[in-house]
Amino acid sequence: MSPSPPDATVDPMKQLSRPARRAHLVVHVAVSVGWLGLTLGLLTLSVTGYASGSPDTTVAAYRAMKIFSDWLLIPVALLTLISGLTLSLGTPWGLARHRWIVVKFWLTLATVLLTAFSLRPGIDRLAADAVAGTPDTGLSMVAAPSVATATYFFTTAISVLKPWGPTKRGSRLRAAQSAQVRERARKTMSQLAVTRCSGHGDSRAVGAGQTVGAVSGRGAVGAAAPAGRGTSAL
């Protein structure tokens, strides 16, 4: 499970509600894992097409890669990037407070751009050449999914381990948060001290009132007793 996000008392932004945060987290984890699985599938198909000695198998593998590329590759990549940005900006984690988040963001952005402008066109060209009867026998389309898969494994690992600590901005915000916590604690202790002193003052006032009442009662009883005895003597 992910640790609880840091306090948001400093540098507040529009925060997601708890249900919205959980929903976005589920979506982000699902599409991120799906992106990793998709690249593993593309890597498997590219290796199969490269290593197979059968032209029919090669064509089938490359055409299958094109199907995944046309329908899933770009939507899954964009949804991963957008859901990650939403979680970063809509929760106290932020986008520039922790080094692992900064690294993951730039890696994700780079892989999305490479997917859109390099990997997908390469798959289209590979499938077209295979259908035309001149399949590519080079390692270019094996290397691209290999690099993508390694990158996604790396981003998954840093998402779980959260290494390297806060950035300079994150350190400043953490120090400011600690100062706010100490200030709130000091104010709370001051309020408790005032409340305690007020309670002691009220207790002393009540005790003094009870003492005066008791003394007055004894005086009244003592004054009434002689009068009673005099009346009975008459």
Protein backbone atom coordinates (compact mmCIF):
# COMPACT_ATOMS: atom_id res chain seq x y z
CA MET A 1 0.00 0.00 0.00
CA SER A 2 1.11 3.57 -0.65
CA PRO A 3 1.96 5.66 2.38
CA SER A 4 -0.30 8.50 3.36
CA PRO A 5 0.33 11.72 1.46
CA PRO A 6 2.09 14.53 3.27
CA ASP A 7 0.32 17.37 5.00
CA ALA A 8 -1.24 20.01 2.75
CA THR A 9 -1.25 22.93 5.18
CA VAL A 10 1.47 24.73 3.19
CA ASP A 11 1.13 25.74 -0.45
CA PRO A 12 -2.51 24.62 -0.61
CA MET A 13 -4.07 23.71 -3.96
CA LYS A 14 -7.42 22.46 -5.01
CA GLN A 15 -7.34 19.00 -3.50
CA LEU A 16 -9.24 15.96 -4.69
CA SER A 17 -11.82 14.56 -2.33
CA ARG A 18 -11.08 11.20 -0.75
CA PRO A 19 -13.38 9.21 -3.11
CA ALA A 20 -12.03 11.06 -6.16
CA ARG A 21 -8.45 10.47 -5.05
CA ARG A 22 -9.07 6.76 -4.64
CA ALA A 23 -10.79 6.52 -8.02
CA HIS A 24 -7.93 8.33 -9.76
CA LEU A 25 -5.41 6.11 -7.97
CA VAL A 26 -7.17 2.95 -9.15
CA VAL A 27 -7.29 4.26 -12.72
CA HIS A 28 -3.63 5.30 -12.64
CA VAL A 29 -2.40 1.98 -11.29
CA ALA A 30 -4.57 0.02 -13.74
CA VAL A 31 -3.45 1.89 -16.85
CA SER A 32 0.19 1.99 -15.72
CA VAL A 33 0.26 -1.78 -15.26
CA GLY A 34 -1.65 -2.12 -18.54
CA TRP A 35 0.98 -0.02 -20.31
CA LEU A 36 3.71 -2.24 -18.92
CA GLY A 37 1.85 -5.37 -20.01
CA LEU A 38 1.23 -3.88 -23.44
CA THR A 39 4.93 -3.20 -24.01
CA LEU A 40 5.78 -6.71 -22.83
CA GLY A 41 3.30 -8.05 -25.38
CA LEU A 42 4.84 -5.89 -28.13
CA LEU A 43 8.30 -7.08 -27.12
CA THR A 44 7.19 -10.72 -27.28
CA LEU A 45 5.63 -10.26 -30.71
CA SER A 46 8.66 -8.39 -32.07
CA VAL A 47 11.05 -11.09 -30.86
CA THR A 48 8.76 -13.75 -32.34
CA GLY A 49 8.67 -11.96 -35.71
CA TYR A 50 12.43 -11.43 -35.70
CA ALA A 51 13.41 -14.94 -34.62
CA SER A 52 10.80 -16.92 -36.52
CA GLY A 53 11.93 -18.64 -39.65
CA SER A 54 8.40 -18.72 -41.02
CA PRO A 55 7.27 -15.76 -43.12
CA ASP A 56 3.66 -16.40 -42.15
CA THR A 57 4.51 -16.24 -38.45
CA THR A 58 6.49 -13.05 -38.97
CA VAL A 59 3.63 -11.37 -40.82
CA ALA A 60 1.12 -12.50 -38.19
CA ALA A 61 3.31 -11.20 -35.34
CA TYR A 62 3.87 -7.81 -36.96
CA ARG A 63 0.20 -7.40 -37.86
CA ALA A 64 -0.75 -8.22 -34.27
CA MET A 65 1.68 -5.51 -33.12
CA LYS A 66 -0.09 -3.04 -35.40
CA ILE A 67 -3.48 -3.95 -33.92
CA PHE A 68 -2.23 -3.27 -30.38
CA SER A 69 -0.54 -0.09 -31.59
CA ASP A 70 -3.62 1.26 -33.37
CA TRP A 71 -6.12 0.61 -30.59
CA LEU A 72 -4.29 0.67 -27.27
CA LEU A 73 -0.84 2.19 -27.33
CA ILE A 74 -1.60 5.92 -27.51
CA PRO A 75 -4.78 5.90 -25.33
CA VAL A 76 -3.10 3.91 -22.56
CA ALA A 77 0.03 6.10 -22.66
CA LEU A 78 -1.96 9.36 -22.51
CA LEU A 79 -4.25 8.08 -19.77
CA THR A 80 -1.23 7.07 -17.70
CA LEU A 81 0.29 10.54 -18.05
CA ILE A 82 -2.96 12.42 -17.37
CA SER A 83 -3.97 10.32 -14.35
CA GLY A 84 -0.48 10.69 -12.88
CA LEU A 85 -0.57 14.48 -13.32
CA THR A 86 -4.03 14.64 -11.73
CA LEU A 87 -2.87 12.64 -8.71
CA SER A 88 0.25 14.78 -8.31
CA LEU A 89 -1.47 18.15 -8.61
CA GLY A 90 -4.67 17.14 -6.81
CA THR A 91 -3.04 15.64 -3.71
CA PRO A 92 -0.46 16.88 -1.18
CA TRP A 93 2.25 14.84 -2.95
CA GLY A 94 2.64 17.60 -5.52
CA LEU A 95 4.59 17.48 -8.77
CA ALA A 96 7.91 19.00 -7.66
CA ARG A 97 8.20 18.07 -3.97
CA HIS A 98 9.85 14.64 -4.31
CA ARG A 99 12.66 13.63 -6.61
CA TRP A 100 11.11 10.31 -7.57
CA ILE A 101 7.95 12.07 -8.78
CA VAL A 102 10.00 14.51 -10.88
CA VAL A 103 12.00 11.66 -12.44
CA LYS A 104 8.89 9.59 -13.09
CA PHE A 105 7.08 12.54 -14.68
CA TRP A 106 9.86 13.32 -17.15
CA LEU A 107 10.38 9.65 -18.01
CA THR A 108 6.65 9.19 -18.58
CA LEU A 109 6.45 12.32 -20.73
CA ALA A 110 9.46 11.22 -22.78
CA THR A 111 8.06 7.73 -23.33
CA VAL A 112 4.65 9.11 -24.34
CA LEU A 113 6.32 11.33 -26.97
CA LEU A 114 8.54 8.50 -28.21
CA THR A 115 5.54 6.19 -28.36
CA ALA A 116 3.55 8.66 -30.44
CA PHE A 117 6.30 9.81 -32.79
CA SER A 118 8.66 6.84 -33.00
CA LEU A 119 7.30 3.51 -31.76
CA ARG A 120 3.87 3.63 -33.34
CA PRO A 121 5.08 4.83 -36.79
CA GLY A 122 7.78 2.15 -36.64
CA ILE A 123 5.21 -0.54 -35.96
CA ASP A 124 3.04 0.71 -38.84
CA ARG A 125 6.01 0.59 -41.19
CA LEU A 126 7.02 -2.85 -39.94
CA ALA A 127 3.53 -4.25 -40.52
CA ALA A 128 3.27 -2.67 -43.97
CA ASP A 129 6.62 -4.14 -45.03
CA ALA A 130 5.63 -7.56 -43.70
CA VAL A 131 2.33 -7.52 -45.60
CA ALA A 132 4.18 -6.43 -48.74
CA GLY A 133 6.41 -9.49 -48.44
CA THR A 134 9.57 -7.66 -47.35
CA PRO A 135 9.59 -7.94 -43.56
CA ASP A 136 12.25 -6.08 -41.64
CA THR A 137 14.83 -8.49 -40.26
CA GLY A 138 16.74 -5.90 -38.21
CA LEU A 139 16.72 -5.42 -34.47
CA SER A 140 15.20 -1.93 -34.51
CA MET A 141 11.70 -3.07 -33.54
CA VAL A 142 13.09 -5.40 -30.90
CA ALA A 143 15.18 -2.65 -29.32
CA ALA A 144 12.33 -0.12 -29.07
CA PRO A 145 9.93 -2.31 -27.02
CA SER A 146 12.91 -3.48 -24.94
CA VAL A 147 13.81 0.09 -23.96
CA ALA A 148 10.16 0.93 -23.29
CA THR A 149 9.69 -2.15 -21.10
CA ALA A 150 12.84 -1.38 -19.09
CA THR A 151 11.68 2.20 -18.60
CA TYR A 152 8.27 1.14 -17.35
CA PHE A 153 9.81 -1.38 -14.96
CA PHE A 154 12.02 1.40 -13.61
CA THR A 155 9.13 3.84 -13.13
CA THR A 156 7.11 1.10 -11.42
CA ALA A 157 10.01 0.40 -9.06
CA ILE A 158 10.48 4.04 -8.03
CA SER A 159 6.72 4.39 -7.57
CA VAL A 160 6.85 1.59 -5.01
CA LEU A 161 10.18 2.44 -3.33
CA LYS A 162 9.90 6.27 -3.49
CA PRO A 163 13.68 6.88 -3.25
CA TRP A 164 15.94 9.97 -3.11
CA GLY A 165 13.95 12.10 -0.69
CA PRO A 166 12.39 15.53 -1.23
CA THR A 167 13.50 18.22 -3.64
CA LYS A 168 14.71 21.62 -2.42
CA ARG A 169 11.19 22.94 -2.75
CA GLY A 170 9.86 19.91 -0.91
CA SER A 171 12.38 20.46 1.90
CA ARG A 172 11.28 24.09 2.27
CA LEU A 173 7.64 23.10 2.37
CA ARG A 174 8.36 20.36 4.90
CA ALA A 175 10.20 22.85 7.12
CA ALA A 176 7.30 25.27 6.84
CA GLN A 177 4.87 22.48 7.71
CA SER A 178 6.93 21.60 10.80
CA ALA A 179 6.91 25.24 11.85
CA GLN A 180 3.14 25.36 11.45
CA VAL A 181 2.73 22.20 13.51
CA ARG A 182 4.92 23.63 16.28
CA GLU A 183 2.99 26.91 16.22
CA ARG A 184 -0.34 25.09 16.45
CA ALA A 185 0.99 23.00 19.33
CA ARG A 186 2.17 26.14 21.14
CA LYS A 187 -1.22 27.81 20.69
CA THR A 188 -3.00 24.69 21.87
CA MET A 189 -0.84 24.51 25.01
CA SER A 190 -1.45 28.21 25.67
CA GLN A 191 -5.20 27.72 25.34
CA LEU A 192 -5.09 24.73 27.66
CA ALA A 193 -3.11 26.74 30.22
CA VAL A 194 -5.61 29.59 30.07
CA THR A 195 -8.51 27.17 30.39
CA ARG A 196 -6.82 25.45 33.34
CA CYS A 197 -6.19 28.76 35.10
CA SER A 198 -9.77 29.83 34.50
CA GLY A 199 -11.01 26.57 35.91
CA HIS A 200 -8.87 26.98 39.06
CA GLY A 201 -10.18 30.54 39.51
CA ASP A 202 -13.77 29.38 39.24
CA SER A 203 -13.08 26.60 41.72
CA ARG A 204 -11.59 29.05 44.22
CA ALA A 205 -14.57 31.37 43.81
CA VAL A 206 -17.00 28.52 44.33
CA GLY A 207 -15.05 27.35 47.39
CA ALA A 208 -15.03 30.85 48.88
CA GLY A 209 -18.76 31.17 48.29
CA GLN A 210 -19.39 27.87 49.98
CA THR A 211 -17.24 28.91 52.95
CA VAL A 212 -19.09 32.23 53.35
CA GLY A 213 -22.41 30.45 53.09
CA ALA A 214 -21.42 27.94 55.73
CA VAL A 215 -20.21 30.66 58.13
CA SER A 216 -23.40 32.66 57.57
CA GLY A 217 -25.52 29.59 58.24
CA ARG A 218 -23.75 28.84 61.49
CA GLY A 219 -24.19 32.46 62.61
CA ALA A 220 -27.88 32.38 61.89
CA VAL A 221 -28.37 29.16 63.79
CA GLY A 222 -26.39 30.52 66.78
CA ALA A 223 -28.48 33.71 66.87
CA ALA A 224 -31.77 31.83 66.69
CA ALA A 225 -31.01 29.43 69.52
CA PRO A 226 -31.06 31.97 72.38
CA ALA A 227 -34.23 33.46 71.09
CA GLY A 228 -35.81 30.07 71.11
CA ARG A 229 -34.76 29.41 74.69
CA GLY A 230 -36.07 32.77 75.84
CA THR A 231 -39.41 32.18 74.23
CA SER A 232 -39.86 28.82 75.91
CA ALA A 233 -38.96 30.36 79.32
CA LEU A 234 -41.79 32.79 78.98
